[in-house]
């Protein structure tokens, strides 16, 4: 699998953009889908792997990416049927074995070529019930709550990557931009607590201007 990358070293927001960006510290749930390979995923996904947690982060990243891509396409369809999650994980595993040198980002782009229903429960995140109020409160909560919010941040970053790839297949958002983008989500979640985290992330993905857009 060969995919050309266009790396963005900075993020530029429109001057009149209503969704402001707050500065943010680096998150703890770090996972870079543009550098994590399918070979690493296959190894991490093994039953006795010492890096098993990385496979869970990869699955969350892929689900976030596809949610963003399909949302931009106007075809996001989430379901409570667990079979949809099993199908996604099965396709991820088989495609990664087929293309071991591909990155999780490139593999996600490949998976996005086929329409599919996505599970409402995406690893640790239930996109149907997780609200902005829950996310904002988790940021100031216990260590477990904060970790849950950081995993949601990871999902949101992947969502924005997928959303932008619908119109620009080669765009890769550098990890250095993650605090800025997830900070925008968190800040606006604090202002619009009644919104679902999914809908707010989609608003930020739509509003943010990257590179030469």
N, C-alpha and C. Protein backbone atom coordinates (compact mmCIF):
# COMPACT_ATOMS: atom_id res chain seq x y z
N UNK A 1 0.85 -1.19 0.00
CA UNK A 1 0.00 0.00 0.00
C UNK A 1 0.88 1.23 0.00
N UNK A 2 0.67 2.08 -0.97
CA UNK A 2 1.48 3.29 -1.08
C UNK A 2 0.59 4.52 -0.96
N UNK A 3 0.90 5.37 -0.01
CA UNK A 3 0.12 6.58 0.20
C UNK A 3 1.06 7.76 0.35
N UNK A 4 0.87 8.80 -0.45
CA UNK A 4 1.68 9.99 -0.35
C UNK A 4 1.18 10.85 0.80
N UNK A 5 2.10 11.35 1.62
CA UNK A 5 1.73 12.17 2.76
C UNK A 5 2.02 13.64 2.51
N UNK A 6 1.14 14.49 2.97
CA UNK A 6 1.40 15.91 2.98
C UNK A 6 1.39 16.33 4.44
N UNK A 7 2.57 16.60 5.02
CA UNK A 7 2.68 16.86 6.43
C UNK A 7 2.39 18.33 6.73
N UNK A 8 1.56 18.56 7.74
CA UNK A 8 1.26 19.92 8.18
C UNK A 8 2.04 20.20 9.45
N UNK A 9 2.88 21.20 9.43
CA UNK A 9 3.66 21.54 10.61
C UNK A 9 2.97 22.55 11.50
N UNK A 10 1.90 23.16 11.04
CA UNK A 10 1.20 24.15 11.84
C UNK A 10 -0.28 24.16 11.54
N UNK A 11 -1.03 24.76 12.41
CA UNK A 11 -2.47 24.86 12.24
C UNK A 11 -2.86 26.33 12.25
N UNK A 12 -3.59 26.77 11.22
CA UNK A 12 -4.03 28.16 11.14
C UNK A 12 -5.54 28.23 11.25
N UNK A 13 -6.04 28.97 12.19
CA UNK A 13 -7.48 29.15 12.36
C UNK A 13 -7.92 30.43 11.68
N UNK A 14 -9.13 30.42 11.12
CA UNK A 14 -9.67 31.63 10.52
C UNK A 14 -9.82 32.69 11.60
N UNK A 15 -9.52 33.93 11.23
CA UNK A 15 -9.53 35.01 12.21
C UNK A 15 -10.89 35.21 12.84
N UNK A 16 -11.94 34.96 12.06
CA UNK A 16 -13.29 35.20 12.57
C UNK A 16 -13.93 33.95 13.16
N UNK A 17 -13.12 32.92 13.33
CA UNK A 17 -13.67 31.65 13.80
C UNK A 17 -14.23 31.78 15.21
N UNK A 18 -15.47 31.37 15.38
CA UNK A 18 -16.12 31.53 16.68
C UNK A 18 -15.59 30.54 17.70
N UNK A 19 -15.07 29.40 17.24
CA UNK A 19 -14.58 28.37 18.16
C UNK A 19 -13.14 28.68 18.50
N UNK A 20 -12.91 29.32 19.65
CA UNK A 20 -11.56 29.69 20.05
C UNK A 20 -10.77 28.49 20.49
N UNK A 21 -9.45 28.66 20.60
CA UNK A 21 -8.56 27.56 21.00
C UNK A 21 -7.84 27.94 22.28
N UNK A 22 -7.95 27.09 23.27
CA UNK A 22 -7.22 27.31 24.50
C UNK A 22 -5.92 26.53 24.46
N UNK A 23 -4.88 27.05 25.08
CA UNK A 23 -3.63 26.31 25.14
C UNK A 23 -3.86 25.07 25.98
N UNK A 24 -3.15 24.00 25.64
CA UNK A 24 -3.36 22.75 26.35
C UNK A 24 -2.04 22.04 26.55
N UNK A 25 -1.95 21.29 27.64
CA UNK A 25 -0.75 20.50 27.90
C UNK A 25 -0.83 19.20 27.13
N UNK A 26 0.30 18.55 26.93
CA UNK A 26 0.35 17.28 26.20
C UNK A 26 -0.48 16.24 26.94
N UNK A 27 -1.28 15.49 26.21
CA UNK A 27 -2.12 14.47 26.82
C UNK A 27 -1.32 13.19 27.09
N UNK A 28 -1.85 12.39 28.05
CA UNK A 28 -1.16 11.17 28.43
C UNK A 28 -1.47 9.99 27.52
N UNK A 29 -2.66 9.95 26.92
CA UNK A 29 -3.04 8.84 26.06
C UNK A 29 -2.50 9.09 24.65
N UNK A 30 -1.20 8.98 24.50
CA UNK A 30 -0.59 9.32 23.22
C UNK A 30 -0.55 8.11 22.30
N UNK A 31 -0.95 8.34 21.07
CA UNK A 31 -0.88 7.31 20.03
C UNK A 31 -0.84 8.05 18.71
N UNK A 32 0.14 7.74 17.88
CA UNK A 32 0.30 8.41 16.59
C UNK A 32 -0.02 7.44 15.46
N UNK A 33 -1.22 7.56 14.93
CA UNK A 33 -1.66 6.65 13.88
C UNK A 33 -0.90 6.81 12.58
N UNK A 34 -0.20 7.94 12.41
CA UNK A 34 0.55 8.15 11.18
C UNK A 34 1.94 7.52 11.24
N UNK A 35 2.33 7.02 12.41
CA UNK A 35 3.65 6.40 12.54
C UNK A 35 3.59 4.98 13.10
N UNK A 36 2.43 4.58 13.59
CA UNK A 36 2.27 3.22 14.14
C UNK A 36 1.93 2.29 12.99
N UNK A 37 2.73 1.26 12.78
CA UNK A 37 2.56 0.39 11.61
C UNK A 37 1.61 -0.77 11.88
N UNK A 38 1.13 -1.34 10.81
CA UNK A 38 0.28 -2.52 10.90
C UNK A 38 1.03 -3.70 11.51
N UNK A 39 2.32 -3.79 11.25
CA UNK A 39 3.12 -4.85 11.85
C UNK A 39 3.13 -4.69 13.36
N UNK A 40 3.28 -3.46 13.83
CA UNK A 40 3.24 -3.20 15.28
C UNK A 40 1.86 -3.53 15.84
N UNK A 41 0.81 -3.22 15.08
CA UNK A 41 -0.53 -3.51 15.55
C UNK A 41 -0.75 -5.02 15.68
N UNK A 42 -0.35 -5.75 14.67
CA UNK A 42 -0.53 -7.21 14.71
C UNK A 42 0.20 -7.82 15.90
N UNK A 43 1.40 -7.33 16.16
CA UNK A 43 2.17 -7.81 17.31
C UNK A 43 1.50 -7.44 18.62
N UNK A 44 1.03 -6.20 18.72
CA UNK A 44 0.39 -5.73 19.96
C UNK A 44 -0.94 -6.43 20.20
N UNK A 45 -1.61 -6.85 19.14
CA UNK A 45 -2.92 -7.46 19.25
C UNK A 45 -2.88 -8.92 19.65
N UNK A 46 -1.69 -9.51 19.69
CA UNK A 46 -1.54 -10.91 20.09
C UNK A 46 -1.96 -11.07 21.56
N UNK A 47 -2.51 -12.23 21.89
CA UNK A 47 -3.05 -12.47 23.23
C UNK A 47 -2.04 -12.23 24.34
N UNK A 48 -0.79 -12.64 24.12
CA UNK A 48 0.22 -12.55 25.17
C UNK A 48 1.16 -11.36 24.99
N UNK A 49 0.74 -10.37 24.23
CA UNK A 49 1.60 -9.23 23.94
C UNK A 49 1.79 -8.34 25.16
N UNK A 50 3.02 -7.85 25.33
CA UNK A 50 3.31 -6.93 26.42
C UNK A 50 2.89 -5.51 26.07
N UNK A 51 2.52 -5.29 24.81
CA UNK A 51 2.08 -3.97 24.36
C UNK A 51 0.60 -4.01 23.95
N UNK A 52 -0.17 -4.86 24.61
CA UNK A 52 -1.58 -5.06 24.26
C UNK A 52 -2.36 -3.74 24.28
N UNK A 53 -2.01 -2.86 25.21
CA UNK A 53 -2.74 -1.58 25.32
C UNK A 53 -2.65 -0.78 24.03
N UNK A 54 -1.54 -0.91 23.31
CA UNK A 54 -1.36 -0.17 22.07
C UNK A 54 -2.38 -0.59 21.01
N UNK A 55 -2.75 -1.86 21.02
CA UNK A 55 -3.75 -2.32 20.04
C UNK A 55 -5.11 -1.70 20.34
N UNK A 56 -5.42 -1.50 21.62
CA UNK A 56 -6.67 -0.85 21.98
C UNK A 56 -6.69 0.61 21.54
N UNK A 57 -5.55 1.29 21.69
CA UNK A 57 -5.45 2.68 21.24
C UNK A 57 -5.58 2.76 19.72
N UNK A 58 -5.00 1.78 19.04
CA UNK A 58 -5.10 1.75 17.58
C UNK A 58 -6.55 1.57 17.13
N UNK A 59 -7.27 0.69 17.79
CA UNK A 59 -8.68 0.46 17.46
C UNK A 59 -9.51 1.73 17.71
N UNK A 60 -9.22 2.41 18.80
CA UNK A 60 -9.92 3.66 19.11
C UNK A 60 -9.61 4.71 18.05
N UNK A 61 -8.35 4.78 17.62
CA UNK A 61 -7.93 5.75 16.61
C UNK A 61 -8.64 5.47 15.28
N UNK A 62 -8.68 4.22 14.89
CA UNK A 62 -9.34 3.85 13.62
C UNK A 62 -10.83 4.19 13.67
N UNK A 63 -11.47 3.89 14.80
CA UNK A 63 -12.90 4.19 14.94
C UNK A 63 -13.14 5.69 14.88
N UNK A 64 -12.26 6.48 15.51
CA UNK A 64 -12.38 7.92 15.46
C UNK A 64 -12.19 8.45 14.05
N UNK A 65 -11.17 7.92 13.37
CA UNK A 65 -10.90 8.34 11.99
C UNK A 65 -12.10 8.07 11.09
N UNK A 66 -12.62 6.87 11.15
CA UNK A 66 -13.74 6.50 10.28
C UNK A 66 -14.99 7.31 10.63
N UNK A 67 -15.20 7.58 11.92
CA UNK A 67 -16.34 8.41 12.33
C UNK A 67 -16.24 9.79 11.70
N UNK A 68 -15.03 10.37 11.72
CA UNK A 68 -14.84 11.68 11.13
C UNK A 68 -14.99 11.67 9.62
N UNK A 69 -14.44 10.65 9.00
CA UNK A 69 -14.52 10.55 7.53
C UNK A 69 -15.97 10.42 7.07
N UNK A 70 -16.71 9.50 7.71
CA UNK A 70 -18.10 9.29 7.32
C UNK A 70 -18.97 10.49 7.68
N UNK A 71 -18.63 11.19 8.77
CA UNK A 71 -19.39 12.39 9.15
C UNK A 71 -19.22 13.47 8.08
N UNK A 72 -17.99 13.66 7.61
CA UNK A 72 -17.74 14.64 6.55
C UNK A 72 -18.46 14.25 5.26
N UNK A 73 -18.59 12.96 5.05
CA UNK A 73 -19.23 12.42 3.86
C UNK A 73 -20.76 12.48 3.98
N UNK A 74 -21.25 12.71 5.19
CA UNK A 74 -22.69 12.72 5.44
C UNK A 74 -23.27 11.33 5.53
N UNK A 75 -22.43 10.34 5.86
CA UNK A 75 -22.89 8.96 5.88
C UNK A 75 -22.53 8.23 7.18
N UNK A 76 -22.32 8.99 8.27
CA UNK A 76 -22.02 8.34 9.54
C UNK A 76 -23.25 7.64 10.07
N UNK A 77 -23.12 6.35 10.34
CA UNK A 77 -24.23 5.52 10.82
C UNK A 77 -23.71 4.67 11.96
N UNK A 78 -24.12 5.01 13.19
CA UNK A 78 -23.67 4.24 14.35
C UNK A 78 -24.79 3.35 14.84
N UNK A 79 -24.42 2.21 15.35
CA UNK A 79 -25.40 1.21 15.77
C UNK A 79 -24.97 0.56 17.08
N UNK A 80 -25.96 0.10 17.82
CA UNK A 80 -25.68 -0.60 19.05
C UNK A 80 -25.38 -2.07 18.84
N UNK A 81 -25.44 -2.51 17.62
CA UNK A 81 -25.16 -3.91 17.28
C UNK A 81 -23.66 -4.18 17.42
N UNK A 82 -23.29 -5.03 18.37
CA UNK A 82 -21.88 -5.33 18.62
C UNK A 82 -21.19 -5.95 17.42
N UNK A 83 -21.97 -6.54 16.51
CA UNK A 83 -21.40 -7.18 15.33
C UNK A 83 -20.65 -6.18 14.46
N UNK A 84 -21.08 -4.92 14.48
CA UNK A 84 -20.41 -3.91 13.67
C UNK A 84 -18.99 -3.66 14.17
N UNK A 85 -18.82 -3.69 15.48
CA UNK A 85 -17.49 -3.54 16.05
C UNK A 85 -16.61 -4.74 15.77
N UNK A 86 -17.21 -5.93 15.87
CA UNK A 86 -16.47 -7.16 15.56
C UNK A 86 -16.01 -7.16 14.11
N UNK A 87 -16.88 -6.70 13.22
CA UNK A 87 -16.54 -6.66 11.79
C UNK A 87 -15.39 -5.68 11.54
N UNK A 88 -15.45 -4.51 12.18
CA UNK A 88 -14.39 -3.52 12.02
C UNK A 88 -13.06 -4.06 12.52
N UNK A 89 -13.06 -4.67 13.69
CA UNK A 89 -11.82 -5.20 14.26
C UNK A 89 -11.28 -6.35 13.40
N UNK A 90 -12.18 -7.15 12.84
CA UNK A 90 -11.76 -8.25 11.97
C UNK A 90 -11.12 -7.71 10.69
N UNK A 91 -11.75 -6.69 10.11
CA UNK A 91 -11.21 -6.09 8.88
C UNK A 91 -9.87 -5.43 9.15
N UNK A 92 -9.76 -4.77 10.30
CA UNK A 92 -8.50 -4.12 10.67
C UNK A 92 -7.39 -5.16 10.81
N UNK A 93 -7.68 -6.26 11.48
CA UNK A 93 -6.68 -7.30 11.68
C UNK A 93 -6.26 -7.94 10.36
N UNK A 94 -7.23 -8.26 9.50
CA UNK A 94 -6.90 -8.93 8.24
C UNK A 94 -6.16 -8.01 7.28
N UNK A 95 -6.58 -6.75 7.21
CA UNK A 95 -5.91 -5.81 6.32
C UNK A 95 -4.49 -5.50 6.80
N UNK A 96 -4.31 -5.45 8.11
CA UNK A 96 -2.98 -5.18 8.65
C UNK A 96 -2.02 -6.34 8.34
N UNK A 97 -2.53 -7.55 8.33
CA UNK A 97 -1.70 -8.69 7.96
C UNK A 97 -1.39 -8.67 6.47
N UNK A 98 -2.32 -8.13 5.68
CA UNK A 98 -2.11 -8.02 4.24
C UNK A 98 -1.12 -6.92 3.89
N UNK A 99 -1.15 -5.83 4.67
CA UNK A 99 -0.27 -4.69 4.42
C UNK A 99 0.52 -4.34 5.69
N UNK A 100 1.47 -5.19 6.08
CA UNK A 100 2.17 -4.99 7.36
C UNK A 100 2.97 -3.70 7.46
N UNK A 101 3.42 -3.16 6.35
CA UNK A 101 4.23 -1.94 6.40
C UNK A 101 3.38 -0.67 6.39
N UNK A 102 2.08 -0.80 6.17
CA UNK A 102 1.20 0.37 6.15
C UNK A 102 1.05 0.94 7.55
N UNK A 103 0.84 2.24 7.64
CA UNK A 103 0.54 2.84 8.93
C UNK A 103 -0.94 2.68 9.24
N UNK A 104 -1.29 2.87 10.49
CA UNK A 104 -2.70 2.80 10.88
C UNK A 104 -3.49 3.90 10.16
N UNK A 105 -2.86 5.03 9.93
CA UNK A 105 -3.52 6.10 9.17
C UNK A 105 -3.84 5.63 7.75
N UNK A 106 -2.85 5.05 7.07
CA UNK A 106 -3.06 4.59 5.70
C UNK A 106 -4.08 3.46 5.65
N UNK A 107 -4.04 2.59 6.65
CA UNK A 107 -4.99 1.49 6.70
C UNK A 107 -6.41 2.00 6.94
N UNK A 108 -6.53 3.03 7.78
CA UNK A 108 -7.84 3.64 8.04
C UNK A 108 -8.40 4.25 6.76
N UNK A 109 -7.53 4.90 5.99
CA UNK A 109 -7.96 5.48 4.71
C UNK A 109 -8.46 4.38 3.78
N UNK A 110 -7.80 3.24 3.81
CA UNK A 110 -8.21 2.11 2.99
C UNK A 110 -9.58 1.60 3.42
N UNK A 111 -9.78 1.49 4.74
CA UNK A 111 -11.05 1.00 5.26
C UNK A 111 -12.19 1.96 4.95
N UNK A 112 -11.88 3.25 4.86
CA UNK A 112 -12.92 4.26 4.61
C UNK A 112 -13.49 4.17 3.20
N UNK A 113 -12.84 3.41 2.32
CA UNK A 113 -13.33 3.28 0.95
C UNK A 113 -14.62 2.47 0.88
N UNK A 114 -14.90 1.72 1.94
CA UNK A 114 -16.13 0.92 1.98
C UNK A 114 -17.08 1.48 3.03
N UNK A 115 -18.34 1.63 2.68
CA UNK A 115 -19.32 2.10 3.64
C UNK A 115 -19.59 1.00 4.67
N UNK A 116 -19.76 1.42 5.91
CA UNK A 116 -20.04 0.45 6.98
C UNK A 116 -20.72 1.16 8.13
N UNK A 117 -21.45 0.41 8.91
CA UNK A 117 -21.98 0.93 10.17
C UNK A 117 -20.87 0.83 11.21
N UNK A 118 -20.81 1.82 12.08
CA UNK A 118 -19.82 1.82 13.14
C UNK A 118 -20.50 1.57 14.48
N UNK A 119 -19.80 0.92 15.41
CA UNK A 119 -20.40 0.66 16.72
C UNK A 119 -20.53 1.95 17.52
N UNK A 120 -21.62 2.09 18.26
CA UNK A 120 -21.78 3.26 19.10
C UNK A 120 -20.77 3.23 20.25
N UNK A 121 -20.41 2.02 20.69
CA UNK A 121 -19.38 1.86 21.73
C UNK A 121 -18.05 1.61 21.01
N UNK A 122 -17.23 2.63 20.97
CA UNK A 122 -15.95 2.56 20.26
C UNK A 122 -14.83 2.44 21.29
N UNK A 123 -14.47 1.20 21.60
CA UNK A 123 -13.52 0.90 22.66
C UNK A 123 -14.01 1.52 23.97
N UNK A 124 -13.28 2.51 24.52
CA UNK A 124 -13.65 3.10 25.80
C UNK A 124 -14.71 4.19 25.67
N UNK A 125 -15.03 4.60 24.47
CA UNK A 125 -15.91 5.75 24.26
C UNK A 125 -17.25 5.35 23.66
N UNK A 126 -18.32 5.73 24.36
CA UNK A 126 -19.67 5.53 23.83
C UNK A 126 -20.09 6.84 23.18
N UNK A 127 -20.03 6.90 21.85
CA UNK A 127 -20.30 8.16 21.14
C UNK A 127 -21.76 8.56 21.18
N UNK A 128 -22.62 7.65 21.62
CA UNK A 128 -24.04 7.95 21.71
C UNK A 128 -24.41 8.64 23.01
N UNK A 129 -23.64 8.40 24.07
CA UNK A 129 -24.00 8.92 25.39
C UNK A 129 -22.97 9.87 25.99
N UNK A 130 -21.76 9.89 25.47
CA UNK A 130 -20.71 10.73 26.05
C UNK A 130 -20.97 12.18 25.65
N UNK A 131 -21.21 13.02 26.64
CA UNK A 131 -21.57 14.41 26.40
C UNK A 131 -20.42 15.36 26.69
N UNK A 132 -20.60 16.58 26.25
CA UNK A 132 -19.61 17.62 26.55
C UNK A 132 -19.52 17.87 28.05
N UNK A 133 -20.64 17.79 28.74
CA UNK A 133 -20.63 17.97 30.19
C UNK A 133 -19.77 16.90 30.85
N UNK A 134 -19.91 15.67 30.40
CA UNK A 134 -19.11 14.57 30.95
C UNK A 134 -17.63 14.78 30.67
N UNK A 135 -17.33 15.26 29.47
CA UNK A 135 -15.94 15.47 29.09
C UNK A 135 -15.31 16.62 29.89
N UNK A 136 -16.02 17.72 29.99
CA UNK A 136 -15.51 18.87 30.73
C UNK A 136 -15.30 18.52 32.20
N UNK A 137 -16.24 17.80 32.79
CA UNK A 137 -16.13 17.42 34.19
C UNK A 137 -14.99 16.43 34.41
N UNK A 138 -14.78 15.53 33.44
CA UNK A 138 -13.72 14.54 33.57
C UNK A 138 -12.34 15.19 33.60
N UNK A 139 -12.21 16.31 32.91
CA UNK A 139 -10.93 17.02 32.88
C UNK A 139 -10.51 17.49 34.28
N UNK A 140 -11.50 17.69 35.16
CA UNK A 140 -11.20 18.15 36.51
C UNK A 140 -11.51 17.07 37.55
N UNK A 141 -11.66 15.84 37.06
CA UNK A 141 -12.04 14.75 37.94
C UNK A 141 -10.88 13.93 38.48
N UNK A 142 -11.18 12.69 38.81
CA UNK A 142 -10.17 11.78 39.34
C UNK A 142 -9.19 11.37 38.24
N UNK A 143 -8.15 10.64 38.64
CA UNK A 143 -7.17 10.18 37.66
C UNK A 143 -7.82 9.30 36.61
N UNK A 144 -8.76 8.47 37.04
CA UNK A 144 -9.48 7.59 36.09
C UNK A 144 -10.33 8.42 35.14
N UNK A 145 -10.98 9.46 35.66
CA UNK A 145 -11.79 10.33 34.81
C UNK A 145 -10.92 11.07 33.81
N UNK A 146 -9.77 11.55 34.26
CA UNK A 146 -8.88 12.29 33.38
C UNK A 146 -8.35 11.39 32.27
N UNK A 147 -8.07 10.13 32.60
CA UNK A 147 -7.60 9.20 31.57
C UNK A 147 -8.71 8.95 30.55
N UNK A 148 -9.94 8.85 31.01
CA UNK A 148 -11.06 8.66 30.09
C UNK A 148 -11.17 9.85 29.14
N UNK A 149 -10.96 11.06 29.68
CA UNK A 149 -11.04 12.26 28.83
C UNK A 149 -9.89 12.30 27.84
N UNK A 150 -8.72 11.81 28.23
CA UNK A 150 -7.58 11.79 27.33
C UNK A 150 -7.78 10.79 26.20
N UNK A 151 -8.43 9.68 26.50
CA UNK A 151 -8.77 8.72 25.45
C UNK A 151 -9.80 9.33 24.49
N UNK A 152 -10.72 10.11 25.04
CA UNK A 152 -11.68 10.81 24.18
C UNK A 152 -10.96 11.83 23.31
N UNK A 153 -9.93 12.48 23.86
CA UNK A 153 -9.13 13.41 23.07
C UNK A 153 -8.45 12.70 21.90
N UNK A 154 -7.94 11.50 22.16
CA UNK A 154 -7.31 10.72 21.11
C UNK A 154 -8.31 10.42 20.00
N UNK A 155 -9.50 10.03 20.39
CA UNK A 155 -10.57 9.76 19.42
C UNK A 155 -10.89 11.01 18.62
N UNK A 156 -10.98 12.15 19.31
CA UNK A 156 -11.33 13.42 18.64
C UNK A 156 -10.26 13.83 17.63
N UNK A 157 -9.01 13.64 17.99
CA UNK A 157 -7.91 13.99 17.08
C UNK A 157 -7.98 13.13 15.82
N UNK A 158 -8.24 11.83 16.00
CA UNK A 158 -8.37 10.93 14.85
C UNK A 158 -9.61 11.30 14.03
N UNK A 159 -10.69 11.70 14.71
CA UNK A 159 -11.92 12.13 14.03
C UNK A 159 -11.63 13.30 13.10
N UNK A 160 -10.90 14.30 13.60
CA UNK A 160 -10.58 15.48 12.80
C UNK A 160 -9.69 15.09 11.62
N UNK A 161 -8.74 14.17 11.85
CA UNK A 161 -7.90 13.68 10.76
C UNK A 161 -8.76 13.04 9.67
N UNK A 162 -9.67 12.18 10.06
CA UNK A 162 -10.54 11.54 9.08
C UNK A 162 -11.47 12.52 8.39
N UNK A 163 -12.00 13.46 9.15
CA UNK A 163 -12.90 14.47 8.58
C UNK A 163 -12.19 15.26 7.49
N UNK A 164 -10.96 15.66 7.75
CA UNK A 164 -10.20 16.44 6.78
C UNK A 164 -9.75 15.60 5.58
N UNK A 165 -9.53 14.31 5.80
CA UNK A 165 -9.10 13.45 4.70
C UNK A 165 -10.20 13.19 3.69
N UNK A 166 -11.44 13.47 4.05
CA UNK A 166 -12.52 13.30 3.08
C UNK A 166 -12.34 14.24 1.89
N UNK A 167 -11.86 15.45 2.16
CA UNK A 167 -11.66 16.43 1.07
C UNK A 167 -10.20 16.51 0.63
N UNK A 168 -9.28 16.06 1.45
CA UNK A 168 -7.85 16.08 1.10
C UNK A 168 -7.23 14.76 1.55
N UNK A 169 -7.15 13.82 0.62
CA UNK A 169 -6.72 12.46 0.95
C UNK A 169 -5.28 12.40 1.47
N UNK A 170 -4.45 13.36 1.10
CA UNK A 170 -3.03 13.31 1.45
C UNK A 170 -2.68 14.05 2.73
N UNK A 171 -3.63 14.76 3.29
CA UNK A 171 -3.35 15.57 4.48
C UNK A 171 -3.04 14.70 5.70
N UNK A 172 -1.94 14.99 6.35
CA UNK A 172 -1.60 14.35 7.61
C UNK A 172 -1.39 15.45 8.65
N UNK A 173 -2.12 15.40 9.73
CA UNK A 173 -2.00 16.40 10.79
C UNK A 173 -0.95 15.95 11.79
N UNK A 174 0.09 16.73 11.96
CA UNK A 174 1.16 16.37 12.88
C UNK A 174 0.66 16.29 14.32
N UNK A 175 1.29 15.40 15.10
CA UNK A 175 0.94 15.25 16.50
C UNK A 175 1.15 16.53 17.30
N UNK A 176 2.05 17.39 16.86
CA UNK A 176 2.29 18.64 17.59
C UNK A 176 1.06 19.52 17.61
N UNK A 177 0.12 19.27 16.69
CA UNK A 177 -1.11 20.04 16.63
C UNK A 177 -2.23 19.46 17.50
N UNK A 178 -2.00 18.29 18.08
CA UNK A 178 -3.06 17.65 18.86
C UNK A 178 -3.52 18.50 20.05
N UNK A 179 -2.61 19.05 20.86
CA UNK A 179 -3.09 19.86 22.00
C UNK A 179 -3.95 21.04 21.56
N UNK A 180 -3.61 21.65 20.43
CA UNK A 180 -4.38 22.79 19.95
C UNK A 180 -5.79 22.37 19.52
N UNK A 181 -5.87 21.25 18.80
CA UNK A 181 -7.16 20.80 18.30
C UNK A 181 -8.04 20.24 19.41
N UNK A 182 -7.48 19.40 20.25
CA UNK A 182 -8.28 18.84 21.34
C UNK A 182 -8.58 19.91 22.38
N UNK A 183 -7.70 20.92 22.48
CA UNK A 183 -7.99 22.04 23.37
C UNK A 183 -9.21 22.81 22.90
N UNK A 184 -9.36 22.94 21.57
CA UNK A 184 -10.54 23.61 21.02
C UNK A 184 -11.80 22.82 21.35
N UNK A 185 -11.71 21.51 21.27
CA UNK A 185 -12.86 20.67 21.61
C UNK A 185 -13.22 20.83 23.08
N UNK A 186 -12.22 20.75 23.95
CA UNK A 186 -12.47 20.85 25.39
C UNK A 186 -13.03 22.20 25.77
N UNK A 187 -12.43 23.25 25.23
CA UNK A 187 -12.89 24.60 25.57
C UNK A 187 -14.35 24.80 25.18
N UNK A 188 -14.71 24.37 23.99
CA UNK A 188 -16.08 24.56 23.53
C UNK A 188 -17.05 23.59 24.17
N UNK A 189 -16.57 22.45 24.62
CA UNK A 189 -17.41 21.54 25.40
C UNK A 189 -17.83 22.22 26.70
N UNK A 190 -16.92 23.00 27.27
CA UNK A 190 -17.25 23.71 28.49
C UNK A 190 -18.33 24.75 28.29
N UNK A 191 -18.44 25.26 27.07
CA UNK A 191 -19.44 26.28 26.76
C UNK A 191 -20.77 25.68 26.29
N UNK A 192 -20.69 24.48 25.71
CA UNK A 192 -21.88 23.84 25.14
C UNK A 192 -22.03 22.44 25.74
N UNK A 193 -22.29 22.42 27.05
CA UNK A 193 -22.27 21.18 27.81
C UNK A 193 -23.38 20.21 27.41
N UNK A 194 -24.43 20.71 26.79
CA UNK A 194 -25.55 19.84 26.44
C UNK A 194 -25.31 19.05 25.16
N UNK A 195 -24.29 19.42 24.40
CA UNK A 195 -24.01 18.73 23.14
C UNK A 195 -23.31 17.40 23.39
N UNK A 196 -23.49 16.48 22.44
CA UNK A 196 -22.71 15.24 22.53
C UNK A 196 -21.28 15.56 22.11
N UNK A 197 -20.36 14.77 22.62
CA UNK A 197 -18.95 14.95 22.29
C UNK A 197 -18.72 14.77 20.80
N UNK A 198 -19.46 13.84 20.20
CA UNK A 198 -19.34 13.61 18.76
C UNK A 198 -19.74 14.86 17.97
N UNK A 199 -20.88 15.43 18.31
CA UNK A 199 -21.36 16.60 17.57
C UNK A 199 -20.43 17.80 17.74
N UNK A 200 -19.91 18.00 18.95
CA UNK A 200 -19.01 19.12 19.19
C UNK A 200 -17.71 18.94 18.43
N UNK A 201 -17.19 17.71 18.42
CA UNK A 201 -15.95 17.43 17.68
C UNK A 201 -16.17 17.69 16.20
N UNK A 202 -17.33 17.33 15.68
CA UNK A 202 -17.64 17.57 14.28
C UNK A 202 -17.69 19.07 13.99
N UNK A 203 -18.21 19.87 14.93
CA UNK A 203 -18.25 21.32 14.76
C UNK A 203 -16.84 21.89 14.65
N UNK A 204 -15.95 21.43 15.52
CA UNK A 204 -14.56 21.91 15.48
C UNK A 204 -13.90 21.46 14.20
N UNK A 205 -14.11 20.22 13.79
CA UNK A 205 -13.51 19.70 12.56
C UNK A 205 -13.97 20.51 11.35
N UNK A 206 -15.22 20.92 11.36
CA UNK A 206 -15.76 21.71 10.26
C UNK A 206 -15.18 23.13 10.26
N UNK A 207 -15.01 23.71 11.45
CA UNK A 207 -14.61 25.11 11.56
C UNK A 207 -13.11 25.34 11.40
N UNK A 208 -12.31 24.38 11.85
CA UNK A 208 -10.87 24.59 11.86
C UNK A 208 -10.31 24.62 10.44
N UNK A 209 -9.35 25.51 10.21
CA UNK A 209 -8.69 25.64 8.92
C UNK A 209 -7.26 25.15 9.05
N UNK A 210 -6.89 24.20 8.22
CA UNK A 210 -5.57 23.59 8.30
C UNK A 210 -4.75 23.93 7.06
N UNK A 211 -3.49 24.29 7.27
CA UNK A 211 -2.59 24.52 6.16
C UNK A 211 -3.13 25.55 5.20
N UNK A 212 -3.24 25.14 3.92
CA UNK A 212 -3.65 26.07 2.88
C UNK A 212 -5.13 26.10 2.61
N UNK A 213 -5.94 25.53 3.53
CA UNK A 213 -7.39 25.51 3.28
C UNK A 213 -7.97 26.92 3.31
